[in-house]
């Protein structure tokens, strides 16, 4: 994720108006949250990052336990994006 953000392939989420803090992921014991702006490009990048994670680690993403959540984003857009991500 760090590389795709630094290379401006993924647009992260900024918090704060004057000196914004960029946030693109949060990780916990066995959970990861990916955060970014609403765009089809970001959805495609997330899909690619998840495939790369699987290939590099040998682990799988449990899509049955995964969620796509949006703030001020229409349900129809989220449904299409979620379908793209399985």
PDB file of N, CA and C in Angstrom:
ATOM      1  N   UNK A   1       0.829  -1.195   0.000  1.00  0.00           N
ATOM      2  CA  UNK A   1       0.000   0.000   0.000  1.00  0.00           C
ATOM      3  C   UNK A   1       0.868   1.251   0.000  1.00  0.00           C
ATOM      4  N   UNK A   2       1.956   1.215   0.745  1.00  0.00           N
ATOM      5  CA  UNK A   2       2.822   2.389   0.804  1.00  0.00           C
ATOM      6  C   UNK A   2       3.326   2.770  -0.590  1.00  0.00           C
ATOM      7  N   UNK A   3       3.712   1.779  -1.373  1.00  0.00           N
ATOM      8  CA  UNK A   3       4.242   2.041  -2.713  1.00  0.00           C
ATOM      9  C   UNK A   3       3.172   2.625  -3.625  1.00  0.00           C
ATOM     10  N   UNK A   4       1.956   2.059  -3.613  1.00  0.00           N
ATOM     11  CA  UNK A   4       0.922   2.575  -4.514  1.00  0.00           C
ATOM     12  C   UNK A   4       0.482   3.978  -4.120  1.00  0.00           C
ATOM     13  N   UNK A   5       0.577   4.312  -2.830  1.00  0.00           N
ATOM     14  CA  UNK A   5       0.255   5.679  -2.397  1.00  0.00           C
ATOM     15  C   UNK A   5       1.380   6.630  -2.813  1.00  0.00           C
ATOM     16  N   UNK A   6       2.621   6.240  -2.553  1.00  0.00           N
ATOM     17  CA  UNK A   6       3.763   7.095  -2.894  1.00  0.00           C
ATOM     18  C   UNK A   6       3.868   7.333  -4.401  1.00  0.00           C
ATOM     19  N   UNK A   7       3.477   6.333  -5.201  1.00  0.00           N
ATOM     20  CA  UNK A   7       3.534   6.467  -6.662  1.00  0.00           C
ATOM     21  C   UNK A   7       2.261   7.088  -7.243  1.00  0.00           C
ATOM     22  N   UNK A   8       1.386   7.592  -6.372  1.00  0.00           N
ATOM     23  CA  UNK A   8       0.130   8.242  -6.780  1.00  0.00           C
ATOM     24  C   UNK A   8      -0.768   7.330  -7.620  1.00  0.00           C
ATOM     25  N   UNK A   9      -0.730   6.040  -7.321  1.00  0.00           N
ATOM     26  CA  UNK A   9      -1.613   5.083  -7.982  1.00  0.00           C
ATOM     27  C   UNK A   9      -2.898   4.933  -7.173  1.00  0.00           C
ATOM     28  N   UNK A  10      -2.796   5.055  -5.858  1.00  0.00           N
ATOM     29  CA  UNK A  10      -3.930   4.980  -4.933  1.00  0.00           C
ATOM     30  C   UNK A  10      -4.055   6.319  -4.234  1.00  0.00           C
ATOM     31  N   UNK A  11      -5.264   6.861  -4.189  1.00  0.00           N
ATOM     32  CA  UNK A  11      -5.485   8.152  -3.527  1.00  0.00           C
ATOM     33  C   UNK A  11      -5.957   7.902  -2.102  1.00  0.00           C
ATOM     34  N   UNK A  12      -5.113   8.266  -1.166  1.00  0.00           N
ATOM     35  CA  UNK A  12      -5.397   8.038   0.250  1.00  0.00           C
ATOM     36  C   UNK A  12      -6.440   9.009   0.778  1.00  0.00           C
ATOM     37  N   UNK A  13      -6.724   8.882   2.051  1.00  0.00           N
ATOM     38  CA  UNK A  13      -7.711   9.731   2.714  1.00  0.00           C
ATOM     39  C   UNK A  13      -6.965  10.695   3.625  1.00  0.00           C
ATOM     40  N   UNK A  14      -7.302  11.980   3.566  1.00  0.00           N
ATOM     41  CA  UNK A  14      -6.650  12.990   4.399  1.00  0.00           C
ATOM     42  C   UNK A  14      -7.559  13.415   5.538  1.00  0.00           C
ATOM     43  N   UNK A  15      -6.964  13.511   6.715  1.00  0.00           N
ATOM     44  CA  UNK A  15      -7.694  13.980   7.895  1.00  0.00           C
ATOM     45  C   UNK A  15      -7.058  15.287   8.344  1.00  0.00           C
ATOM     46  N   UNK A  16      -7.884  16.315   8.509  1.00  0.00           N
ATOM     47  CA  UNK A  16      -7.402  17.617   8.939  1.00  0.00           C
ATOM     48  C   UNK A  16      -7.363  18.584   7.773  1.00  0.00           C
ATOM     49  N   UNK A  17      -7.609  19.840   8.069  1.00  0.00           N
ATOM     50  CA  UNK A  17      -7.691  20.849   7.015  1.00  0.00           C
ATOM     51  C   UNK A  17      -6.368  21.586   6.791  1.00  0.00           C
ATOM     52  N   UNK A  18      -5.704  21.978   7.859  1.00  0.00           N
ATOM     53  CA  UNK A  18      -4.523  22.832   7.713  1.00  0.00           C
ATOM     54  C   UNK A  18      -3.247  22.037   7.462  1.00  0.00           C
ATOM     55  N   UNK A  19      -3.027  20.996   8.211  1.00  0.00           N
ATOM     56  CA  UNK A  19      -1.850  20.143   8.041  1.00  0.00           C
ATOM     57  C   UNK A  19      -2.341  18.702   7.991  1.00  0.00           C
ATOM     58  N   UNK A  20      -2.900  18.283   6.850  1.00  0.00           N
ATOM     59  CA  UNK A  20      -3.587  16.991   6.804  1.00  0.00           C
ATOM     60  C   UNK A  20      -2.666  15.805   7.052  1.00  0.00           C
ATOM     61  N   UNK A  21      -3.222  14.814   7.709  1.00  0.00           N
ATOM     62  CA  UNK A  21      -2.551  13.543   7.918  1.00  0.00           C
ATOM     63  C   UNK A  21      -3.101  12.559   6.899  1.00  0.00           C
ATOM     64  N   UNK A  22      -2.204  11.922   6.154  1.00  0.00           N
ATOM     65  CA  UNK A  22      -2.625  10.966   5.141  1.00  0.00           C
ATOM     66  C   UNK A  22      -2.787   9.595   5.789  1.00  0.00           C
ATOM     67  N   UNK A  23      -3.928   8.968   5.530  1.00  0.00           N
ATOM     68  CA  UNK A  23      -4.181   7.634   6.049  1.00  0.00           C
ATOM     69  C   UNK A  23      -4.614   6.757   4.886  1.00  0.00           C
ATOM     70  N   UNK A  24      -3.966   5.631   4.733  1.00  0.00           N
ATOM     71  CA  UNK A  24      -4.356   4.698   3.676  1.00  0.00           C
ATOM     72  C   UNK A  24      -4.550   3.284   4.193  1.00  0.00           C
ATOM     73  N   UNK A  25      -4.081   3.003   5.401  1.00  0.00           N
ATOM     74  CA  UNK A  25      -4.374   1.705   5.992  1.00  0.00           C
ATOM     75  C   UNK A  25      -4.205   1.756   7.507  1.00  0.00           C
ATOM     76  N   UNK A  26      -4.946   0.900   8.166  1.00  0.00           N
ATOM     77  CA  UNK A  26      -4.811   0.672   9.599  1.00  0.00           C
ATOM     78  C   UNK A  26      -4.745  -0.839   9.778  1.00  0.00           C
ATOM     79  N   UNK A  27      -3.830  -1.306  10.623  1.00  0.00           N
ATOM     80  CA  UNK A  27      -3.719  -2.736  10.843  1.00  0.00           C
ATOM     81  C   UNK A  27      -3.824  -3.059  12.320  1.00  0.00           C
ATOM     82  N   UNK A  28      -4.517  -4.155  12.573  1.00  0.00           N
ATOM     83  CA  UNK A  28      -4.697  -4.662  13.919  1.00  0.00           C
ATOM     84  C   UNK A  28      -4.178  -6.097  13.929  1.00  0.00           C
ATOM     85  N   UNK A  29      -4.442  -6.862  14.945  1.00  0.00           N
ATOM     86  CA  UNK A  29      -3.905  -8.211  15.065  1.00  0.00           C
ATOM     87  C   UNK A  29      -4.156  -9.036  13.807  1.00  0.00           C
ATOM     88  N   UNK A  30      -5.399  -9.191  13.422  1.00  0.00           N
ATOM     89  CA  UNK A  30      -5.697  -9.971  12.228  1.00  0.00           C
ATOM     90  C   UNK A  30      -6.687  -9.252  11.316  1.00  0.00           C
ATOM     91  N   UNK A  31      -6.691  -7.951  11.385  1.00  0.00           N
ATOM     92  CA  UNK A  31      -7.577  -7.137  10.559  1.00  0.00           C
ATOM     93  C   UNK A  31      -6.789  -6.017   9.893  1.00  0.00           C
ATOM     94  N   UNK A  32      -7.199  -5.694   8.688  1.00  0.00           N
ATOM     95  CA  UNK A  32      -6.609  -4.575   7.957  1.00  0.00           C
ATOM     96  C   UNK A  32      -7.725  -3.729   7.380  1.00  0.00           C
ATOM     97  N   UNK A  33      -7.614  -2.423   7.547  1.00  0.00           N
ATOM     98  CA  UNK A  33      -8.549  -1.487   6.933  1.00  0.00           C
ATOM     99  C   UNK A  33      -7.789  -0.692   5.895  1.00  0.00           C
ATOM    100  N   UNK A  34      -8.319  -0.652   4.675  1.00  0.00           N
ATOM    101  CA  UNK A  34      -7.745   0.159   3.610  1.00  0.00           C
ATOM    102  C   UNK A  34      -8.646   1.365   3.423  1.00  0.00           C
ATOM    103  N   UNK A  35      -8.052   2.560   3.440  1.00  0.00           N
ATOM    104  CA  UNK A  35      -8.832   3.792   3.377  1.00  0.00           C
ATOM    105  C   UNK A  35      -8.385   4.643   2.203  1.00  0.00           C
ATOM    106  N   UNK A  36      -9.360   5.139   1.435  1.00  0.00           N
ATOM    107  CA  UNK A  36      -9.038   6.006   0.320  1.00  0.00           C
ATOM    108  C   UNK A  36     -10.273   6.735  -0.159  1.00  0.00           C
ATOM    109  N   UNK A  37     -10.064   7.595  -1.127  1.00  0.00           N
ATOM    110  CA  UNK A  37     -11.179   8.356  -1.682  1.00  0.00           C
ATOM    111  C   UNK A  37     -11.984   7.469  -2.624  1.00  0.00           C
ATOM    112  N   UNK A  38     -13.220   7.885  -2.888  1.00  0.00           N
ATOM    113  CA  UNK A  38     -14.104   7.147  -3.797  1.00  0.00           C
ATOM    114  C   UNK A  38     -13.622   7.336  -5.234  1.00  0.00           C
ATOM    115  N   UNK A  39     -13.160   6.241  -5.830  1.00  0.00           N
ATOM    116  CA  UNK A  39     -12.809   6.269  -7.247  1.00  0.00           C
ATOM    117  C   UNK A  39     -12.714   4.839  -7.754  1.00  0.00           C
ATOM    118  N   UNK A  40     -13.024   4.663  -9.030  1.00  0.00           N
ATOM    119  CA  UNK A  40     -12.896   3.338  -9.627  1.00  0.00           C
ATOM    120  C   UNK A  40     -11.441   2.934  -9.691  1.00  0.00           C
ATOM    121  N   UNK A  41     -10.556   3.892  -9.850  1.00  0.00           N
ATOM    122  CA  UNK A  41      -9.121   3.580  -9.861  1.00  0.00           C
ATOM    123  C   UNK A  41      -8.707   2.972  -8.523  1.00  0.00           C
ATOM    124  N   UNK A  42      -9.191   3.538  -7.413  1.00  0.00           N
ATOM    125  CA  UNK A  42      -8.855   2.991  -6.102  1.00  0.00           C
ATOM    126  C   UNK A  42      -9.394   1.573  -5.929  1.00  0.00           C
ATOM    127  N   UNK A  43     -10.597   1.311  -6.442  1.00  0.00           N
ATOM    128  CA  UNK A  43     -11.163  -0.037  -6.346  1.00  0.00           C
ATOM    129  C   UNK A  43     -10.266  -1.027  -7.097  1.00  0.00           C
ATOM    130  N   UNK A  44      -9.813  -0.649  -8.276  1.00  0.00           N
ATOM    131  CA  UNK A  44      -8.927  -1.517  -9.057  1.00  0.00           C
ATOM    132  C   UNK A  44      -7.595  -1.741  -8.353  1.00  0.00           C
ATOM    133  N   UNK A  45      -7.064  -0.702  -7.726  1.00  0.00           N
ATOM    134  CA  UNK A  45      -5.802  -0.835  -7.003  1.00  0.00           C
ATOM    135  C   UNK A  45      -5.975  -1.756  -5.797  1.00  0.00           C
ATOM    136  N   UNK A  46      -7.077  -1.612  -5.074  1.00  0.00           N
ATOM    137  CA  UNK A  46      -7.328  -2.497  -3.936  1.00  0.00           C
ATOM    138  C   UNK A  46      -7.379  -3.945  -4.409  1.00  0.00           C
ATOM    139  N   UNK A  47      -8.063  -4.173  -5.510  1.00  0.00           N
ATOM    140  CA  UNK A  47      -8.152  -5.533  -6.063  1.00  0.00           C
ATOM    141  C   UNK A  47      -6.750  -6.069  -6.385  1.00  0.00           C
ATOM    142  N   UNK A  48      -5.917  -5.264  -7.018  1.00  0.00           N
ATOM    143  CA  UNK A  48      -4.555  -5.684  -7.362  1.00  0.00           C
ATOM    144  C   UNK A  48      -3.715  -5.923  -6.117  1.00  0.00           C
ATOM    145  N   UNK A  49      -3.834  -5.057  -5.123  1.00  0.00           N
ATOM    146  CA  UNK A  49      -3.068  -5.207  -3.886  1.00  0.00           C
ATOM    147  C   UNK A  49      -3.461  -6.494  -3.168  1.00  0.00           C
ATOM    148  N   UNK A  50      -4.744  -6.821  -3.165  1.00  0.00           N
ATOM    149  CA  UNK A  50      -5.184  -8.059  -2.515  1.00  0.00           C
ATOM    150  C   UNK A  50      -4.654  -9.287  -3.242  1.00  0.00           C
ATOM    151  N   UNK A  51      -4.612  -9.244  -4.561  1.00  0.00           N
ATOM    152  CA  UNK A  51      -4.045 -10.356  -5.335  1.00  0.00           C
ATOM    153  C   UNK A  51      -2.553 -10.482  -5.046  1.00  0.00           C
ATOM    154  N   UNK A  52      -1.846  -9.362  -5.037  1.00  0.00           N
ATOM    155  CA  UNK A  52      -0.409  -9.393  -4.725  1.00  0.00           C
ATOM    156  C   UNK A  52      -0.158  -9.912  -3.314  1.00  0.00           C
ATOM    157  N   UNK A  53      -0.980  -9.504  -2.361  1.00  0.00           N
ATOM    158  CA  UNK A  53      -0.853 -10.001  -0.990  1.00  0.00           C
ATOM    159  C   UNK A  53      -0.962 -11.523  -0.973  1.00  0.00           C
ATOM    160  N   UNK A  54      -1.949 -12.045  -1.680  1.00  0.00           N
ATOM    161  CA  UNK A  54      -2.153 -13.498  -1.731  1.00  0.00           C
ATOM    162  C   UNK A  54      -0.950 -14.192  -2.351  1.00  0.00           C
ATOM    163  N   UNK A  55      -0.458 -13.673  -3.467  1.00  0.00           N
ATOM    164  CA  UNK A  55       0.672 -14.288  -4.155  1.00  0.00           C
ATOM    165  C   UNK A  55       1.957 -14.238  -3.333  1.00  0.00           C
ATOM    166  N   UNK A  56       2.184 -13.122  -2.658  1.00  0.00           N
ATOM    167  CA  UNK A  56       3.425 -12.950  -1.908  1.00  0.00           C
ATOM    168  C   UNK A  56       3.411 -13.671  -0.567  1.00  0.00           C
ATOM    169  N   UNK A  57       2.274 -13.731   0.074  1.00  0.00           N
ATOM    170  CA  UNK A  57       2.216 -14.307   1.423  1.00  0.00           C
ATOM    171  C   UNK A  57       1.748 -15.753   1.441  1.00  0.00           C
ATOM    172  N   UNK A  58       1.029 -16.168   0.410  1.00  0.00           N
ATOM    173  CA  UNK A  58       0.437 -17.493   0.408  1.00  0.00           C
ATOM    174  C   UNK A  58      -0.850 -17.561   1.217  1.00  0.00           C
ATOM    175  N   UNK A  59      -1.257 -16.432   1.790  1.00  0.00           N
ATOM    176  CA  UNK A  59      -2.487 -16.380   2.574  1.00  0.00           C
ATOM    177  C   UNK A  59      -3.622 -15.883   1.692  1.00  0.00           C
ATOM    178  N   UNK A  60      -4.841 -16.134   2.129  1.00  0.00           N
ATOM    179  CA  UNK A  60      -6.015 -15.709   1.379  1.00  0.00           C
ATOM    180  C   UNK A  60      -6.780 -14.641   2.151  1.00  0.00           C
ATOM    181  N   UNK A  61      -7.464 -13.786   1.430  1.00  0.00           N
ATOM    182  CA  UNK A  61      -8.374 -12.820   2.034  1.00  0.00           C
ATOM    183  C   UNK A  61      -9.716 -13.523   2.201  1.00  0.00           C
ATOM    184  N   UNK A  62     -10.278 -13.468   3.388  1.00  0.00           N
ATOM    185  CA  UNK A  62     -11.580 -14.072   3.637  1.00  0.00           C
ATOM    186  C   UNK A  62     -12.655 -13.056   3.253  1.00  0.00           C
ATOM    187  N   UNK A  63     -13.150 -13.172   2.027  1.00  0.00           N
ATOM    188  CA  UNK A  63     -14.130 -12.207   1.527  1.00  0.00           C
ATOM    189  C   UNK A  63     -15.479 -12.345   2.220  1.00  0.00           C
ATOM    190  N   UNK A  64     -15.743 -13.499   2.839  1.00  0.00           N
ATOM    191  CA  UNK A  64     -16.998 -13.670   3.579  1.00  0.00           C
ATOM    192  C   UNK A  64     -17.004 -12.829   4.862  1.00  0.00           C
ATOM    193  N   UNK A  65     -15.830 -12.488   5.358  1.00  0.00           N
ATOM    194  CA  UNK A  65     -15.732 -11.661   6.564  1.00  0.00           C
ATOM    195  C   UNK A  65     -15.346 -10.224   6.244  1.00  0.00           C
ATOM    196  N   UNK A  66     -15.206  -9.912   4.952  1.00  0.00           N
ATOM    197  CA  UNK A  66     -14.762  -8.585   4.533  1.00  0.00           C
ATOM    198  C   UNK A  66     -15.942  -7.677   4.254  1.00  0.00           C
ATOM    199  N   UNK A  67     -15.722  -6.378   4.447  1.00  0.00           N
ATOM    200  CA  UNK A  67     -16.756  -5.372   4.216  1.00  0.00           C
ATOM    201  C   UNK A  67     -16.181  -4.224   3.390  1.00  0.00           C
ATOM    202  N   UNK A  68     -17.032  -3.644   2.577  1.00  0.00           N
ATOM    203  CA  UNK A  68     -16.706  -2.397   1.901  1.00  0.00           C
ATOM    204  C   UNK A  68     -17.663  -1.363   2.456  1.00  0.00           C
ATOM    205  N   UNK A  69     -17.117  -0.355   3.102  1.00  0.00           N
ATOM    206  CA  UNK A  69     -17.936   0.652   3.775  1.00  0.00           C
ATOM    207  C   UNK A  69     -17.621   2.011   3.171  1.00  0.00           C
ATOM    208  N   UNK A  70     -18.642   2.793   2.938  1.00  0.00           N
ATOM    209  CA  UNK A  70     -18.450   4.134   2.406  1.00  0.00           C
ATOM    210  C   UNK A  70     -19.116   5.169   3.282  1.00  0.00           C
ATOM    211  N   UNK A  71     -18.551   6.355   3.289  1.00  0.00           N
ATOM    212  CA  UNK A  71     -19.125   7.487   4.010  1.00  0.00           C
ATOM    213  C   UNK A  71     -19.593   8.486   2.964  1.00  0.00           C
ATOM    214  N   UNK A  72     -20.889   8.806   2.981  1.00  0.00           N
ATOM    215  CA  UNK A  72     -21.497   9.701   1.991  1.00  0.00           C
ATOM    216  C   UNK A  72     -21.312   9.190   0.560  1.00  0.00           C
ATOM    217  N   UNK A  73     -21.425   7.866   0.401  1.00  0.00           N
ATOM    218  CA  UNK A  73     -21.326   7.230  -0.913  1.00  0.00           C
ATOM    219  C   UNK A  73     -22.595   6.411  -1.111  1.00  0.00           C
ATOM    220  N   UNK A  74     -23.154   6.482  -2.293  1.00  0.00           N
ATOM    221  CA  UNK A  74     -24.421   5.795  -2.544  1.00  0.00           C
ATOM    222  C   UNK A  74     -24.263   4.279  -2.436  1.00  0.00           C
ATOM    223  N   UNK A  75     -25.341   3.632  -2.011  1.00  0.00           N
ATOM    224  CA  UNK A  75     -25.346   2.177  -1.900  1.00  0.00           C
ATOM    225  C   UNK A  75     -25.132   1.520  -3.258  1.00  0.00           C
ATOM    226  N   UNK A  76     -25.673   2.117  -4.312  1.00  0.00           N
ATOM    227  CA  UNK A  76     -25.519   1.530  -5.642  1.00  0.00           C
ATOM    228  C   UNK A  76     -24.046   1.499  -6.064  1.00  0.00           C
ATOM    229  N   UNK A  77     -23.325   2.581  -5.800  1.00  0.00           N
ATOM    230  CA  UNK A  77     -21.888   2.615  -6.127  1.00  0.00           C
ATOM    231  C   UNK A  77     -21.139   1.581  -5.312  1.00  0.00           C
ATOM    232  N   UNK A  78     -21.434   1.498  -4.014  1.00  0.00           N
ATOM    233  CA  UNK A  78     -20.764   0.526  -3.142  1.00  0.00           C
ATOM    234  C   UNK A  78     -21.053  -0.905  -3.577  1.00  0.00           C
ATOM    235  N   UNK A  79     -22.279  -1.176  -4.003  1.00  0.00           N
ATOM    236  CA  UNK A  79     -22.626  -2.531  -4.450  1.00  0.00           C
ATOM    237  C   UNK A  79     -21.830  -2.933  -5.684  1.00  0.00           C
ATOM    238  N   UNK A  80     -21.682  -2.031  -6.633  1.00  0.00           N
ATOM    239  CA  UNK A  80     -20.895  -2.336  -7.832  1.00  0.00           C
ATOM    240  C   UNK A  80     -19.427  -2.531  -7.450  1.00  0.00           C
ATOM    241  N   UNK A  81     -18.909  -1.662  -6.600  1.00  0.00           N
ATOM    242  CA  UNK A  81     -17.504  -1.784  -6.173  1.00  0.00           C
ATOM    243  C   UNK A  81     -17.285  -3.094  -5.421  1.00  0.00           C
ATOM    244  N   UNK A  82     -18.201  -3.459  -4.545  1.00  0.00           N
ATOM    245  CA  UNK A  82     -18.088  -4.709  -3.789  1.00  0.00           C
ATOM    246  C   UNK A  82     -18.129  -5.906  -4.735  1.00  0.00           C
ATOM    247  N   UNK A  83     -18.942  -5.837  -5.758  1.00  0.00           N
ATOM    248  CA  UNK A  83     -19.005  -6.923  -6.739  1.00  0.00           C
ATOM    249  C   UNK A  83     -17.666  -7.063  -7.467  1.00  0.00           C
ATOM    250  N   UNK A  84     -17.049  -5.940  -7.785  1.00  0.00           N
ATOM    251  CA  UNK A  84     -15.733  -5.981  -8.444  1.00  0.00           C
ATOM    252  C   UNK A  84     -14.695  -6.656  -7.551  1.00  0.00           C
ATOM    253  N   UNK A  85     -14.827  -6.473  -6.250  1.00  0.00           N
ATOM    254  CA  UNK A  85     -13.854  -7.021  -5.301  1.00  0.00           C
ATOM    255  C   UNK A  85     -14.219  -8.422  -4.797  1.00  0.00           C
ATOM    256  N   UNK A  86     -15.338  -8.947  -5.285  1.00  0.00           N
ATOM    257  CA  UNK A  86     -15.845 -10.260  -4.832  1.00  0.00           C
ATOM    258  C   UNK A  86     -16.334 -10.206  -3.412  1.00  0.00           C
TER     259      UNK A  86
END
